[in-house]
N, C-alpha and C. Protein backbone atom coordinates (compact mmCIF):
# COMPACT_ATOMS: atom_id res chain seq x y z
N MET A 1 54.60 -83.03 73.69
CA MET A 1 54.69 -82.42 71.92
C MET A 1 54.63 -84.07 71.37
N SER A 2 54.06 -84.54 70.28
CA SER A 2 54.66 -86.11 69.96
C SER A 2 55.98 -86.05 69.52
N GLU A 3 56.51 -87.14 69.06
CA GLU A 3 57.77 -87.29 68.41
C GLU A 3 57.18 -86.63 67.10
N HIS A 4 56.29 -86.99 66.51
CA HIS A 4 55.92 -86.49 64.93
C HIS A 4 56.16 -84.59 65.01
N GLN A 5 55.33 -83.95 66.22
CA GLN A 5 55.33 -82.69 66.19
C GLN A 5 56.93 -82.40 66.30
N ILE A 6 57.62 -82.81 67.29
CA ILE A 6 58.91 -82.51 67.21
C ILE A 6 59.61 -82.19 66.12
N GLN A 7 59.60 -83.85 65.22
CA GLN A 7 60.50 -83.10 64.18
C GLN A 7 60.22 -82.56 62.80
N VAL A 8 58.83 -82.07 63.17
CA VAL A 8 58.16 -81.15 61.78
C VAL A 8 58.98 -79.92 62.57
N SER A 9 58.62 -79.54 63.69
CA SER A 9 59.71 -78.34 64.34
C SER A 9 60.86 -78.45 63.91
N ILE A 10 61.13 -79.29 63.92
CA ILE A 10 63.44 -79.82 63.78
C ILE A 10 63.52 -79.61 62.52
N ILE A 11 62.40 -79.71 62.02
CA ILE A 11 62.79 -79.87 59.92
C ILE A 11 62.70 -78.44 59.29
N SER A 12 61.57 -77.58 60.03
CA SER A 12 61.14 -76.46 59.70
C SER A 12 62.77 -75.85 60.19
N TYR A 13 62.91 -75.77 61.69
CA TYR A 13 63.66 -75.15 61.89
C TYR A 13 65.26 -75.53 61.30
N LEU A 14 65.63 -76.58 60.89
CA LEU A 14 67.18 -76.71 60.10
C LEU A 14 67.03 -75.88 58.87
N ASP A 15 65.60 -76.17 58.02
CA ASP A 15 65.53 -75.66 56.56
C ASP A 15 65.85 -74.13 56.89
N ARG A 16 65.83 -73.31 58.01
CA ARG A 16 65.68 -71.98 58.04
C ARG A 16 67.60 -71.86 58.71
N VAL A 17 68.25 -72.44 59.13
CA VAL A 17 69.42 -72.65 59.73
C VAL A 17 70.40 -73.00 58.95
N LEU A 18 70.60 -74.44 58.65
CA LEU A 18 71.52 -75.26 57.86
C LEU A 18 72.21 -74.00 56.89
N PRO A 19 73.71 -73.79 56.76
CA PRO A 19 74.01 -73.70 55.88
C PRO A 19 73.56 -74.14 54.29
N SER A 20 73.69 -73.24 53.21
CA SER A 20 73.34 -74.15 51.67
C SER A 20 73.90 -75.12 51.52
N THR A 21 75.00 -75.47 51.61
CA THR A 21 75.99 -76.83 51.48
C THR A 21 75.35 -77.90 52.49
N ILE A 22 74.27 -77.89 53.27
CA ILE A 22 74.08 -79.05 54.20
C ILE A 22 72.53 -78.97 53.65
N ARG A 23 71.79 -80.16 53.93
CA ARG A 23 69.92 -80.34 53.84
C ARG A 23 69.83 -81.52 54.68
N ALA A 24 68.57 -81.33 55.10
CA ALA A 24 68.26 -82.29 55.83
C ALA A 24 66.94 -82.81 55.77
N VAL A 25 66.85 -84.38 54.97
CA VAL A 25 65.89 -84.94 55.04
C VAL A 25 65.77 -86.39 56.03
N GLY A 26 64.08 -85.88 56.23
CA GLY A 26 63.13 -86.62 57.19
C GLY A 26 63.21 -88.41 56.63
N VAL A 27 63.57 -89.09 57.22
CA VAL A 27 63.91 -90.51 56.86
C VAL A 27 62.36 -91.31 57.55
N SER A 28 61.17 -91.97 56.22
CA SER A 28 60.34 -92.61 56.67
C SER A 28 60.58 -93.73 56.66
N ASN A 29 60.18 -93.97 58.45
CA ASN A 29 60.83 -95.20 58.68
C ASN A 29 59.63 -96.17 60.14
N ASN A 30 58.20 -95.22 59.25
CA ASN A 30 56.59 -95.81 60.46
C ASN A 30 55.90 -96.33 59.73
N PRO A 31 55.70 -97.59 58.98
CA PRO A 31 54.92 -97.65 58.01
C PRO A 31 53.74 -98.30 58.50
N ARG A 32 52.71 -97.98 57.66
CA ARG A 32 51.50 -97.45 58.40
C ARG A 32 50.59 -99.16 58.58
N SER A 33 50.94 -100.21 57.85
CA SER A 33 50.51 -101.94 58.05
C SER A 33 51.93 -102.75 58.09
N ALA A 34 51.20 -103.44 58.20
CA ALA A 34 51.81 -105.17 57.97
C ALA A 34 52.59 -104.90 56.66
N ILE A 35 51.78 -104.77 55.25
CA ILE A 35 51.91 -104.91 54.51
C ILE A 35 52.85 -104.11 53.59
N ALA A 36 52.81 -102.51 54.14
CA ALA A 36 53.44 -101.48 54.39
C ALA A 36 54.82 -101.82 54.49
N GLY A 37 54.77 -102.56 55.22
CA GLY A 37 56.17 -102.31 56.42
C GLY A 37 56.79 -103.57 55.30
N ALA A 38 56.66 -104.44 55.00
CA ALA A 38 57.35 -105.71 54.41
C ALA A 38 57.77 -105.04 52.92
N LYS A 39 56.91 -104.17 52.07
CA LYS A 39 57.48 -103.36 50.96
C LYS A 39 58.46 -102.69 50.98
N GLU A 40 58.26 -101.51 52.62
CA GLU A 40 59.47 -100.81 52.83
C GLU A 40 60.62 -101.40 53.00
N LYS A 41 60.50 -102.80 53.70
CA LYS A 41 61.90 -103.31 54.16
C LYS A 41 62.52 -103.64 52.63
N ALA A 42 61.53 -104.48 51.86
CA ALA A 42 62.30 -105.11 50.49
C ALA A 42 62.99 -103.76 49.82
N ARG A 43 62.41 -102.57 50.24
CA ARG A 43 62.95 -101.18 49.32
C ARG A 43 64.26 -100.68 50.33
N GLY A 44 64.79 -101.61 51.20
CA GLY A 44 66.04 -101.05 52.41
C GLY A 44 65.46 -100.29 53.50
N MET A 45 64.71 -99.95 53.84
CA MET A 45 63.57 -99.20 55.11
C MET A 45 64.43 -100.14 56.29
N ARG A 46 65.15 -99.98 57.29
CA ARG A 46 65.59 -100.61 58.15
C ARG A 46 65.15 -100.02 59.93
N LYS A 47 64.74 -101.15 60.11
CA LYS A 47 64.02 -101.16 61.63
C LYS A 47 64.82 -99.72 62.79
N GLY A 48 65.05 -98.92 63.10
CA GLY A 48 65.64 -98.32 64.30
C GLY A 48 66.71 -97.37 63.52
N PHE A 49 66.08 -97.20 62.16
CA PHE A 49 67.39 -96.11 61.73
C PHE A 49 66.27 -94.80 61.97
N PRO A 50 67.70 -93.93 62.21
CA PRO A 50 67.57 -92.24 62.89
C PRO A 50 66.61 -91.36 61.50
N ASP A 51 65.97 -90.50 62.51
CA ASP A 51 64.86 -90.26 61.65
C ASP A 51 65.25 -89.26 60.63
N ILE A 52 66.19 -88.21 61.00
CA ILE A 52 66.74 -87.17 60.04
C ILE A 52 67.99 -87.11 59.58
N LEU A 53 68.67 -87.17 58.16
CA LEU A 53 69.62 -87.22 57.65
C LEU A 53 70.29 -85.71 57.70
N LEU A 54 71.58 -85.63 57.85
CA LEU A 54 72.01 -84.47 57.12
C LEU A 54 73.08 -84.84 56.02
N THR A 55 72.91 -84.09 54.70
CA THR A 55 73.60 -84.52 53.70
C THR A 55 74.04 -82.61 53.14
N GLY A 56 75.62 -83.57 52.46
CA GLY A 56 76.32 -82.08 51.86
C GLY A 56 77.74 -82.40 52.37
N ALA A 57 77.78 -80.74 52.53
CA ALA A 57 79.21 -80.88 52.83
C ALA A 57 79.59 -81.70 54.31
N PHE A 58 78.56 -82.13 54.70
CA PHE A 58 78.42 -82.71 55.96
C PHE A 58 77.65 -83.75 56.47
N HIS A 59 78.30 -84.76 57.14
CA HIS A 59 76.90 -86.10 56.41
C HIS A 59 76.62 -86.43 58.60
N GLY A 60 75.52 -86.52 58.76
CA GLY A 60 75.29 -86.91 60.31
C GLY A 60 73.55 -87.05 60.13
N LEU A 61 73.49 -87.84 61.38
CA LEU A 61 72.10 -88.13 61.38
C LEU A 61 71.76 -87.76 62.95
N LEU A 62 70.58 -87.64 63.08
CA LEU A 62 69.62 -87.15 64.35
C LEU A 62 68.65 -88.35 64.58
N GLU A 63 68.25 -88.61 65.48
CA GLU A 63 67.20 -89.22 66.14
C GLU A 63 65.92 -88.82 67.57
N VAL A 64 64.86 -88.07 66.69
CA VAL A 64 64.37 -87.47 67.28
C VAL A 64 63.75 -88.25 68.78
N LYS A 65 63.63 -88.27 70.09
CA LYS A 65 62.62 -88.70 70.74
C LYS A 65 62.08 -87.66 71.32
N GLN A 66 60.78 -87.62 72.28
CA GLN A 66 59.64 -87.35 72.99
C GLN A 66 60.38 -87.12 74.47
N GLU A 67 60.42 -86.32 75.26
CA GLU A 67 60.79 -85.73 76.29
C GLU A 67 60.44 -87.26 77.46
N GLY A 68 61.76 -88.30 78.04
CA GLY A 68 61.18 -89.13 78.92
C GLY A 68 61.56 -90.44 77.86
N SER A 69 60.97 -90.29 76.56
CA SER A 69 61.70 -91.71 75.92
C SER A 69 62.61 -92.43 75.69
N TYR A 70 62.94 -93.13 75.52
CA TYR A 70 64.23 -93.36 75.23
C TYR A 70 64.54 -94.36 74.18
N LEU A 71 65.36 -94.58 73.51
CA LEU A 71 66.16 -95.45 72.37
C LEU A 71 65.82 -97.15 72.31
N ARG A 72 65.13 -97.33 71.31
CA ARG A 72 64.56 -98.87 71.48
C ARG A 72 66.05 -100.09 71.21
N LYS A 73 65.96 -101.01 71.51
CA LYS A 73 67.19 -101.68 71.10
C LYS A 73 67.30 -101.48 69.37
N GLU A 74 66.72 -101.56 68.12
CA GLU A 74 67.06 -101.33 67.19
C GLU A 74 68.03 -100.05 66.66
N GLN A 75 67.35 -99.08 67.66
CA GLN A 75 67.83 -97.70 67.63
C GLN A 75 69.31 -97.40 68.13
N LYS A 76 69.18 -98.30 69.07
CA LYS A 76 70.38 -98.34 70.27
C LYS A 76 72.04 -98.85 69.14
N GLU A 77 71.45 -100.36 68.50
CA GLU A 77 72.59 -101.08 67.49
C GLU A 77 72.62 -99.89 66.32
N TRP A 78 71.31 -98.86 65.99
CA TRP A 78 72.28 -98.26 64.45
C TRP A 78 73.23 -97.43 65.11
N ARG A 79 72.91 -96.43 66.45
CA ARG A 79 73.65 -95.45 67.04
C ARG A 79 74.62 -96.01 67.22
N ASP A 80 75.67 -97.29 67.57
CA ASP A 80 76.41 -97.98 68.13
C ASP A 80 77.40 -98.01 66.76
N PHE A 81 76.12 -98.63 65.78
CA PHE A 81 77.23 -98.60 64.43
C PHE A 81 77.56 -97.45 64.01
N LEU A 82 76.60 -96.62 63.49
CA LEU A 82 77.15 -95.47 63.31
C LEU A 82 78.45 -95.21 63.95
N ALA A 83 78.72 -95.07 65.05
CA ALA A 83 79.39 -94.12 65.93
C ALA A 83 80.86 -94.91 65.86
N SER A 84 80.52 -96.21 65.39
CA SER A 84 81.76 -96.94 65.14
C SER A 84 82.53 -96.79 64.25
N GLN A 85 81.54 -96.17 62.80
CA GLN A 85 82.04 -95.81 61.93
C GLN A 85 82.03 -94.38 61.66
N GLN A 86 82.29 -93.54 62.83
CA GLN A 86 82.70 -92.07 63.10
C GLN A 86 81.57 -91.49 62.38
N VAL A 87 80.49 -91.85 62.02
CA VAL A 87 78.96 -90.98 61.49
C VAL A 87 78.63 -90.42 62.74
N PRO A 88 78.76 -89.00 62.41
CA PRO A 88 77.69 -88.38 63.30
C PRO A 88 75.93 -88.70 64.01
N VAL A 89 76.12 -88.79 65.08
CA VAL A 89 74.77 -89.44 65.45
C VAL A 89 74.24 -88.89 66.91
N ALA A 90 73.09 -88.04 66.97
CA ALA A 90 72.93 -87.69 68.44
C ALA A 90 71.27 -87.45 68.22
N VAL A 91 70.54 -87.71 69.49
CA VAL A 91 69.26 -88.09 69.72
C VAL A 91 68.95 -86.57 70.34
N VAL A 92 68.24 -86.32 69.64
CA VAL A 92 67.57 -84.85 70.09
C VAL A 92 66.29 -84.64 70.41
N ARG A 93 65.54 -83.83 71.23
CA ARG A 93 64.21 -83.72 72.32
C ARG A 93 63.86 -82.36 71.86
N SER A 94 64.51 -81.65 71.10
CA SER A 94 64.53 -80.39 70.94
C SER A 94 64.94 -79.42 69.95
N ILE A 95 64.71 -78.51 69.82
CA ILE A 95 65.44 -77.51 68.58
C ILE A 95 66.61 -77.07 69.25
N GLU A 96 66.84 -76.96 70.47
CA GLU A 96 67.55 -76.34 71.75
C GLU A 96 68.25 -77.85 71.32
N ASP A 97 68.18 -78.60 71.65
CA ASP A 97 69.16 -79.45 71.74
C ASP A 97 69.84 -80.03 70.29
N VAL A 98 68.93 -79.16 69.06
CA VAL A 98 69.56 -79.28 67.72
C VAL A 98 70.31 -78.62 67.60
N ARG A 99 70.55 -77.29 68.08
CA ARG A 99 71.23 -76.47 68.19
C ARG A 99 72.83 -76.50 69.02
N GLU A 100 72.56 -76.86 69.91
CA GLU A 100 73.49 -77.60 70.89
C GLU A 100 74.31 -79.31 69.86
N THR A 101 73.52 -79.71 69.22
CA THR A 101 74.50 -80.63 68.11
C THR A 101 75.31 -80.11 67.44
N LEU A 102 74.57 -79.19 66.38
CA LEU A 102 75.18 -78.56 65.37
C LEU A 102 76.35 -77.78 65.55
N ASN A 103 75.96 -76.86 66.72
CA ASN A 103 77.52 -76.26 67.50
C ASN A 103 78.45 -77.16 67.97
N GLY A 104 78.44 -78.37 68.18
CA GLY A 104 78.91 -79.28 68.97
C GLY A 104 79.47 -80.36 67.73
N TRP A 105 78.93 -80.23 66.56
CA TRP A 105 79.53 -80.41 65.00
C TRP A 105 80.16 -79.52 64.51
N GLY A 106 80.06 -78.58 64.99
CA GLY A 106 80.94 -77.60 64.04
C GLY A 106 80.49 -77.10 63.07
N ILE A 107 79.22 -76.89 62.83
CA ILE A 107 78.45 -76.74 62.02
C ILE A 107 77.74 -75.31 62.21
N ARG A 108 78.26 -74.06 61.65
CA ARG A 108 77.56 -72.52 61.55
C ARG A 108 77.05 -72.37 60.79
N THR A 109 75.64 -72.25 61.62
CA THR A 109 74.34 -71.94 60.80
C THR A 109 74.13 -70.84 60.69
N ARG A 110 73.19 -70.17 60.12
CA ARG A 110 72.55 -68.88 59.64
C ARG A 110 72.27 -68.15 60.63
N GLU A 111 71.56 -69.17 61.71
CA GLU A 111 71.56 -68.46 63.28
C GLU A 111 72.41 -68.02 63.58
N ALA A 112 73.83 -68.44 63.70
CA ALA A 112 74.90 -68.24 64.74
C ALA A 112 75.62 -66.88 63.77
N ALA A 113 75.72 -66.98 62.32
CA ALA A 113 76.44 -66.25 61.37
C ALA A 113 75.49 -64.00 61.83
């Protein structure tokens, strides 16, 4: 599965199971051209920022990766910065990874209820 397909399945899963006090938002961070990239950067897009934001009663971030792929330099920098600020951040490769991450963060899902 591509990272895009994995993220789509994760967003669908989160929409079904997150409590009503938390929402998931996909972060668009893949400009289609150099011009689009320059415009997005000017609007505040930052290279390497995680793919999914959880917000509401809980704030955390998920970086989606394909099996066998690893964080790029900018993604590691974001992970380390966020962790230094006590912001929960995790790399996930599957719905099972997300399920384990949410459990580890103490988020009681509708699936677990």
